[in-house]
Protein backbone atom coordinates (compact mmCIF):
# COMPACT_ATOMS: atom_id res chain seq x y z
CA MET A 1 37.19 9.22 16.31
CA THR A 2 39.92 9.08 14.09
CA ASN A 3 40.02 9.50 10.05
CA LYS A 4 40.42 7.03 8.91
CA MET A 5 37.44 5.38 11.04
CA LEU A 6 35.18 7.99 9.69
CA GLN A 7 36.68 7.39 6.00
CA ALA A 8 36.11 4.07 6.71
CA ASP A 9 32.44 4.75 7.95
CA LYS A 10 31.72 6.84 4.71
CA ALA A 11 32.90 3.82 2.99
CA ALA A 12 30.24 1.45 3.99
CA LEU A 13 27.26 4.08 4.31
CA GLU A 14 28.70 4.63 -0.03
CA LYS A 15 29.20 1.36 -0.29
CA GLU A 16 25.66 0.03 1.84
CA LYS A 17 23.69 2.92 -0.36
CA GLU A 18 25.48 2.33 -4.04
CA GLU A 19 23.46 -1.70 -3.08
CA LEU A 20 19.90 0.63 -1.69
CA THR A 21 20.07 2.12 -4.88
CA ALA A 22 20.61 -1.02 -6.64
CA GLN A 23 17.56 -2.61 -4.83
CA ARG A 24 15.80 -0.34 -5.22
CA ASN A 25 15.90 0.21 -8.62
CA GLN A 26 14.85 -2.95 -8.85
CA PHE A 27 11.97 -3.01 -7.86
CA GLU A 28 10.97 -0.58 -9.66
CA SER A 29 11.70 -2.78 -12.74
CA THR A 30 9.59 -5.85 -11.33
CA LEU A 31 6.79 -3.55 -10.47
CA ARG A 32 6.32 -1.69 -13.79
CA PHE A 33 6.81 -5.45 -15.06
CA ILE A 34 4.05 -7.06 -13.43
CA MET A 35 1.53 -3.55 -13.98
CA GLN A 36 2.19 -4.01 -17.72
CA PHE A 37 -0.52 -7.10 -16.92
CA THR A 38 -4.70 -5.83 -16.25
CA ASN A 39 -5.45 -8.52 -13.80
CA PHE A 40 -2.82 -8.05 -10.90
CA PRO A 41 -4.33 -6.89 -8.08
CA VAL A 42 -1.56 -4.71 -7.74
CA SER A 43 -2.78 -1.88 -10.04
CA GLU A 44 -5.23 -1.34 -7.79
CA TYR A 45 -2.80 0.19 -4.91
CA CYS A 46 -0.72 1.33 -7.91
CA THR A 47 -0.47 3.78 -10.51
CA LEU A 48 2.78 3.52 -13.11
CA THR A 49 2.96 7.98 -14.57
CA ASN A 50 5.90 9.16 -16.33
CA GLU A 51 7.57 6.06 -16.00
CA GLU A 52 6.91 5.97 -12.03
CA VAL A 53 5.13 4.13 -9.57
CA HIS A 54 3.23 5.01 -7.39
CA CYS A 55 1.59 3.27 -4.61
CA GLU A 56 -0.31 3.73 -1.40
CA PRO A 57 -1.21 0.85 1.32
CA CYS A 58 -4.66 0.49 0.25
CA ASN A 59 -7.36 -0.12 -2.74
CA LYS A 60 -8.20 3.35 -4.60
CA ASN A 61 -11.66 4.47 -3.05
CA TRP A 62 -10.22 3.52 0.52
CA ILE A 63 -9.25 4.94 3.15
CA GLN A 64 -6.19 3.99 6.16
CA ASN A 65 -6.59 4.29 9.26
CA GLY A 66 -3.79 3.26 10.74
CA SER A 67 -2.79 -0.78 9.57
CA SER A 68 -6.11 -0.82 8.47
CA CYS A 69 -7.88 -0.08 5.24
CA TYR A 70 -11.92 1.03 4.65
CA PHE A 71 -14.42 1.56 1.83
CA PHE A 72 -18.01 3.35 2.70
CA TRP A 73 -20.60 1.62 1.07
CA MET A 74 -22.93 4.31 0.51
CA ASP A 75 -26.16 3.59 -1.03
CA LEU A 76 -28.96 4.85 0.45
CA ALA A 77 -31.27 2.23 -1.29
CA PRO A 78 -32.63 -0.47 -0.16
CA TRP A 79 -29.84 -1.05 3.23
CA LEU A 80 -28.83 -4.35 2.96
CA THR A 81 -29.13 -7.35 5.62
CA TRP A 82 -25.17 -7.93 8.09
CA GLY A 83 -25.75 -11.48 5.52
CA GLU A 84 -26.04 -8.73 2.34
CA SER A 85 -23.32 -7.32 3.80
CA GLN A 86 -20.89 -9.19 5.49
CA THR A 87 -21.20 -10.26 1.15
CA ARG A 88 -19.96 -7.01 -0.39
CA CYS A 89 -16.69 -7.36 1.48
CA THR A 90 -16.22 -9.98 0.51
CA GLU A 91 -17.52 -10.03 -2.72
CA ASN A 92 -14.49 -6.73 -2.25
CA LYS A 93 -12.33 -8.05 -0.60
CA GLY A 94 -13.56 -6.87 2.59
CA HIS A 95 -14.19 -7.64 6.24
CA LEU A 96 -17.36 -6.81 7.15
CA VAL A 97 -15.78 -3.85 10.47
CA VAL A 98 -16.63 -3.96 13.25
CA ILE A 99 -15.64 -0.76 15.88
CA ASP A 100 -13.19 -1.92 18.66
CA THR A 101 -11.80 1.90 19.28
CA ILE A 102 -12.93 5.34 20.18
CA GLU A 103 -11.17 6.70 17.57
CA GLU A 104 -11.38 3.92 14.98
CA GLN A 105 -14.63 5.52 15.31
CA ALA A 106 -14.08 8.78 15.48
CA ARG A 107 -12.18 8.58 11.53
């Protein structure tokens, strides 16, 4: 590659970096605004500390495995029926899991 081509590539990359930085800043500003609302579900995934936003792919207290999120209900008694368990999951914005793979079961 010639020096001119490298300089053109560098300029294009710097411009792209500036655009991405501006876009990131706008996203962070929007997220900070959204997090002001206590009833907005983003608060289940993100925390705001010292003007820094940190988001997770799963709700707080849920465990990620691949692209899925799991919550383990640890009530010792009384045990729930399948239907009651489905209702409990639905109330918590989830679904009663059916484990399909060995990898999923091992987690």
